[in-house]
Protein backbone atom coordinates (compact mmCIF):
# COMPACT_ATOMS: atom_id res chain seq x y z
CA MET A 1 92.25 287.77 -104.46
CA LYS A 2 92.55 283.98 -104.27
CA LYS A 3 93.97 284.27 -100.76
CA LYS A 4 90.99 286.39 -99.70
CA PHE A 5 88.51 283.83 -101.10
CA LEU A 6 90.20 280.99 -99.26
CA MET A 7 89.99 282.89 -96.00
CA MET A 8 86.28 283.61 -96.57
CA SER A 9 85.63 279.93 -97.39
CA ALA A 10 87.37 278.81 -94.22
CA LEU A 11 85.28 281.22 -92.17
CA VAL A 12 82.04 279.90 -93.70
CA LEU A 13 83.06 276.31 -92.99
CA LEU A 14 83.92 277.19 -89.40
CA LEU A 15 80.57 278.87 -88.86
CA THR A 16 78.76 275.94 -90.40
CA ALA A 17 80.57 273.50 -88.18
CA CYS A 18 79.68 275.53 -85.13
CA LYS A 19 75.95 275.48 -85.96
CA GLY A 20 75.66 271.99 -87.45
CA ASP A 21 72.61 269.75 -86.76
CA LYS A 22 73.50 268.78 -83.15
CA PRO A 23 71.01 270.19 -80.64
CA ALA A 24 72.20 272.48 -77.90
CA LYS A 25 72.74 270.92 -74.47
CA GLU A 26 69.54 270.99 -72.39
CA GLU A 27 69.64 272.65 -68.99
CA GLU A 28 69.27 270.26 -66.03
CA GLU A 29 66.02 270.72 -64.19
CA VAL A 30 66.52 271.26 -60.46
CA VAL A 31 63.52 270.40 -58.32
CA TYR A 32 63.36 271.86 -54.83
CA GLU A 33 61.12 269.60 -52.80
CA ASP A 34 59.07 271.07 -49.94
CA VAL A 35 60.66 270.45 -46.56
CA THR A 36 58.29 268.55 -44.24
CA TYR A 37 58.52 268.34 -40.47
CA ALA A 38 57.58 265.31 -38.37
CA CYS A 39 55.19 266.30 -35.60
CA ARG A 40 54.43 264.34 -32.46
CA ALA A 41 52.43 264.88 -29.31
CA VAL A 42 54.54 265.03 -26.18
CA ASP A 43 52.88 264.47 -22.80
CA TYR A 44 54.56 266.50 -20.06
CA TYR A 45 52.25 265.35 -17.27
CA ASN A 46 54.02 263.77 -14.27
CA TYR A 47 52.09 260.55 -13.64
CA SER A 48 54.21 259.75 -10.59
CA GLU A 49 52.57 262.64 -8.69
CA PRO A 50 48.97 263.07 -7.48
CA VAL A 51 46.65 265.21 -9.59
CA PRO A 52 47.22 268.86 -8.59
CA TYR A 53 44.56 271.40 -7.70
CA SER A 54 42.84 273.09 -10.66
CA ASP A 55 39.97 275.44 -11.32
CA ALA A 56 36.61 273.72 -10.92
CA ILE A 57 35.49 271.86 -14.04
CA GLU A 58 32.17 272.72 -15.66
CA ASP A 59 29.14 270.47 -15.07
CA SER A 60 29.06 269.29 -18.69
CA TYR A 61 32.28 267.36 -18.02
CA PHE A 62 30.33 264.85 -15.93
CA ASP A 63 28.11 263.88 -18.86
CA ASP A 64 31.06 261.73 -19.90
CA VAL A 65 32.04 260.34 -16.47
CA LEU A 66 31.67 256.90 -14.85
CA PHE A 67 32.26 256.55 -11.10
CA ALA A 68 32.89 252.90 -10.19
CA GLY A 69 33.84 251.32 -6.88
CA ASP A 70 32.87 249.68 -3.63
CA SER A 71 30.42 250.90 -0.99
CA ARG A 72 32.46 254.08 -0.47
CA MET A 73 31.62 255.04 -4.06
CA GLY A 74 28.01 254.16 -3.30
CA ALA A 75 27.77 257.47 -1.44
CA MET A 76 27.95 259.20 -4.83
CA TYR A 77 24.85 257.24 -5.85
CA LEU A 78 22.98 257.90 -2.59
CA TRP A 79 23.94 261.50 -1.81
CA GLY A 80 25.64 262.87 -4.92
CA THR A 81 24.53 266.06 -6.65
CA ILE A 82 26.73 265.91 -9.77
CA PRO A 83 24.37 265.96 -12.77
CA ASN A 84 24.35 263.18 -15.36
CA ALA A 85 27.34 261.22 -14.02
CA GLN A 86 27.01 257.43 -14.08
CA VAL A 87 27.67 255.74 -10.72
CA GLU A 88 28.12 251.98 -10.27
CA TYR A 89 29.02 250.29 -6.99
CA VAL A 90 29.09 246.97 -5.14
CA THR A 91 28.94 246.72 -1.34
CA SER A 92 31.94 244.80 0.05
CA LEU A 93 33.38 244.52 -3.45
CA ASN A 94 36.52 242.43 -3.62
CA LEU A 95 38.72 242.59 -6.71
CA TRP A 96 38.79 238.78 -6.72
CA LEU A 97 35.02 238.76 -7.31
CA ILE A 98 34.70 241.79 -9.57
CA ASP A 99 33.28 239.69 -12.41
CA SER A 100 30.71 237.85 -10.31
CA MET A 101 29.32 240.20 -7.62
CA PRO A 102 26.23 242.05 -8.94
CA LEU A 103 25.97 245.82 -8.81
CA ASP A 104 23.88 247.15 -5.93
CA ASN A 105 21.94 249.59 -8.10
CA HIS A 106 20.96 247.03 -10.77
CA SER A 107 18.45 244.20 -10.76
CA ASP A 108 19.67 242.49 -13.92
CA GLY A 109 22.73 240.79 -12.42
CA MET A 110 25.22 243.11 -14.11
CA THR A 111 28.63 242.98 -12.46
CA MET A 112 31.23 245.69 -11.99
CA TYR A 113 33.36 244.09 -14.67
CA ASP A 114 30.39 244.18 -17.06
CA ALA A 115 29.85 247.88 -16.34
CA LEU A 116 33.50 248.72 -16.99
CA GLU A 117 33.68 246.60 -20.10
CA GLN A 118 30.49 248.05 -21.59
CA THR A 119 30.89 251.72 -20.71
CA GLU A 120 31.42 254.29 -23.43
CA LYS A 121 32.40 257.03 -20.98
CA ASN A 122 35.73 258.69 -21.64
CA ASN A 123 36.47 259.63 -18.01
CA ILE A 124 36.46 256.78 -15.47
CA TYR A 125 37.02 257.08 -11.71
CA LEU A 126 37.92 253.92 -9.79
CA LEU A 127 37.68 253.50 -6.01
CA PHE A 128 38.82 249.98 -5.05
CA GLY A 129 41.09 248.53 -2.38
CA ILE A 130 39.41 248.91 1.00
CA ASN A 131 38.15 245.33 1.08
CA GLU A 132 41.65 244.04 0.45
CA ILE A 133 43.06 246.13 3.30
CA ARG A 134 43.03 243.31 5.85
CA SER A 135 45.15 241.01 3.69
CA ASN A 136 48.90 240.97 3.95
CA GLU A 137 51.25 242.93 1.73
CA ASP A 138 52.39 239.94 -0.31
CA TYR A 139 48.79 239.09 -1.19
CA PHE A 140 48.06 242.58 -2.45
CA GLU A 141 51.31 242.73 -4.38
CA SER A 142 50.96 239.32 -6.02
CA TRP A 143 47.25 239.13 -6.67
CA ALA A 144 45.16 242.27 -6.05
CA PHE A 145 47.77 244.40 -7.79
CA GLU A 146 47.66 242.14 -10.85
CA GLN A 147 43.86 242.07 -10.87
CA TYR A 148 43.73 245.87 -10.79
CA GLN A 149 46.29 245.92 -13.59
CA SER A 150 44.11 243.65 -15.74
CA LEU A 151 41.21 246.10 -15.38
CA LEU A 152 43.36 249.02 -16.50
CA THR A 153 44.64 246.99 -19.45
CA MET A 154 41.09 246.07 -20.49
CA LEU A 155 39.90 249.68 -20.29
CA ARG A 156 42.87 250.98 -22.27
CA GLU A 157 42.55 248.31 -24.98
CA LYS A 158 38.85 249.06 -25.32
CA ASN A 159 39.39 252.83 -25.53
CA PRO A 160 43.02 253.98 -25.98
CA ASN A 161 42.03 257.60 -25.28
CA VAL A 162 40.16 256.97 -22.03
CA ASN A 163 41.09 259.12 -19.02
CA ILE A 164 41.33 256.96 -15.91
CA TYR A 165 41.53 258.27 -12.35
CA ILE A 166 42.60 255.94 -9.53
CA LEU A 167 41.30 257.21 -6.19
CA SER A 168 43.48 256.51 -3.17
CA THR A 169 42.18 254.51 -0.24
CA TYR A 170 41.59 257.41 2.15
CA HIS A 171 42.43 256.87 5.80
CA PRO A 172 39.20 255.90 7.63
CA ARG A 173 38.73 256.87 11.24
CA SER A 174 38.17 253.21 12.01
CA ILE A 175 37.59 249.92 10.24
CA SER A 176 36.49 246.64 11.79
CA GLY A 177 39.13 243.98 12.32
CA LEU A 178 42.14 246.23 11.69
CA PRO A 179 43.18 248.43 14.62
CA GLU A 180 46.02 250.92 14.64
CA PRO A 181 48.92 250.91 13.95
CA SER A 182 48.24 248.08 11.50
CA LEU A 183 45.58 250.11 9.70
CA THR A 184 48.00 252.92 8.87
CA GLU A 185 50.69 250.46 7.84
CA HIS A 186 48.34 248.58 5.49
CA LEU A 187 47.00 251.81 4.00
CA GLN A 188 50.52 252.94 3.20
CA TRP A 189 51.41 249.88 1.18
CA VAL A 190 48.01 249.72 -0.54
CA ASN A 191 48.24 253.36 -1.65
CA SER A 192 51.87 252.97 -2.68
CA ARG A 193 50.76 250.20 -5.06
CA LEU A 194 47.85 252.26 -6.37
CA ALA A 195 50.18 255.17 -7.07
CA ARG A 196 52.59 252.79 -8.83
CA LEU A 197 49.76 251.45 -10.99
CA ALA A 198 48.89 255.00 -12.01
CA ASP A 199 52.48 255.78 -12.94
CA MET A 200 53.01 252.51 -14.84
CA ASN A 201 49.82 252.89 -16.88
CA TYR A 202 49.85 256.65 -17.48
CA VAL A 203 46.63 257.18 -15.56
CA TYR A 204 45.84 259.81 -12.95
CA TYR A 205 46.12 259.35 -9.19
CA LEU A 206 43.79 261.24 -6.83
CA ASP A 207 45.22 261.42 -3.32
CA LEU A 208 42.13 261.89 -1.16
CA ASP A 209 44.27 262.08 1.98
CA ASN A 210 45.67 265.34 0.66
CA GLY A 211 42.71 267.64 1.17
CA MET A 212 39.97 265.59 2.87
CA THR A 213 41.71 264.61 6.09
CA ASP A 214 42.24 266.36 9.42
CA GLU A 215 45.50 267.30 11.15
CA GLU A 216 45.94 263.69 12.28
CA GLY A 217 45.68 262.36 8.73
CA LEU A 218 42.24 260.79 9.22
CA ILE A 219 39.21 261.42 7.03
CA LYS A 220 37.39 264.34 8.63
CA GLU A 221 34.91 263.23 11.26
CA GLU A 222 32.05 265.26 9.79
CA TYR A 223 32.48 263.44 6.46
CA VAL A 224 31.81 259.91 7.72
CA GLY A 225 29.05 258.63 9.97
CA ASP A 226 30.56 255.26 10.77
CA GLY A 227 34.23 256.10 10.47
CA LEU A 228 34.46 254.83 6.89
CA HIS A 229 31.52 255.65 4.61
CA PHE A 230 30.67 259.15 3.42
CA GLY A 231 27.45 260.76 4.51
CA PRO A 232 25.89 263.71 2.63
CA THR A 233 28.50 266.21 3.87
CA GLY A 234 31.40 263.94 2.98
CA THR A 235 29.92 263.13 -0.40
CA HIS A 236 29.60 266.80 -1.29
CA ALA A 237 33.19 267.37 -0.13
CA LEU A 238 34.32 264.50 -2.37
CA GLU A 239 32.43 266.02 -5.29
CA ASP A 240 34.13 269.37 -4.71
CA TYR A 241 37.51 267.66 -4.51
CA ILE A 242 36.94 265.86 -7.81
CA ARG A 243 35.70 269.03 -9.50
CA THR A 244 38.94 270.82 -8.57
CA HIS A 245 41.32 267.99 -9.48
CA VAL A 246 40.71 267.38 -13.17
CA VAL A 247 43.60 267.12 -15.61
CA ARG A 248 43.18 269.28 -18.72
CA ARG A 249 45.20 267.39 -21.29
CA ASN A 250 45.72 270.46 -23.47
CA THR A 251 47.76 271.91 -20.60
CA TYR A 252 50.23 269.03 -20.59
CA VAL A 253 50.20 267.62 -24.13
CA LYS A 254 52.06 269.74 -26.66
CA GLU A 255 52.70 269.22 -30.38
CA ILE A 256 56.41 269.20 -31.18
CA CYS A 257 57.51 269.44 -34.83
CA GLU A 258 61.07 268.63 -35.87
């Protein structure tokens, strides 16, 4: 009997020791954080190539367009039919004097530089370079190229999302003071620099010689009355060309998440 009591007492003590006052070990809380992906916009457009053909853009696009350039761009002001587009031009405009020569279609002394600096348009078309065509290649490379670059830098700093189109210097049928073959040679190095500017600055390059010239590579005779400047027919052809060479960014810019 005594042996049985001792065994029962030992069992009670063992059970009491197992329970005791010490709290049970708490379970570790495991938190599963949501996995997040970094997304970025990737631009697949090839800026080293001219703007390709596209379906004609709707007229409302031109509500947000500025056409700026020399007397060749002036045809858009004189003969153009595009609704609501802003056109600014200076006859015989030289890039060296872009901040001092007044616009032809203003009486307040506004310059081309003023117009570019003040514009709020998100699509800007630039047609410069013909009045530098008689200079030598080193001049264009060392000065005109840098001046053009400063304009692109100013426009991009003012509006990082602006769409800029550089128009090539199309091959005129003739130009005073620069006979062939020098004219063709000069055009080649001017346009090579304009294309390089477009590629360097991620802006668009419109090659007007690819679509508006004849089989000899000259601007079509019916487009120009004096060999250089567009008349009504040429202006309307230029408008059609621009309408069908607009880059839709949503085609080339894709969101990539990793």
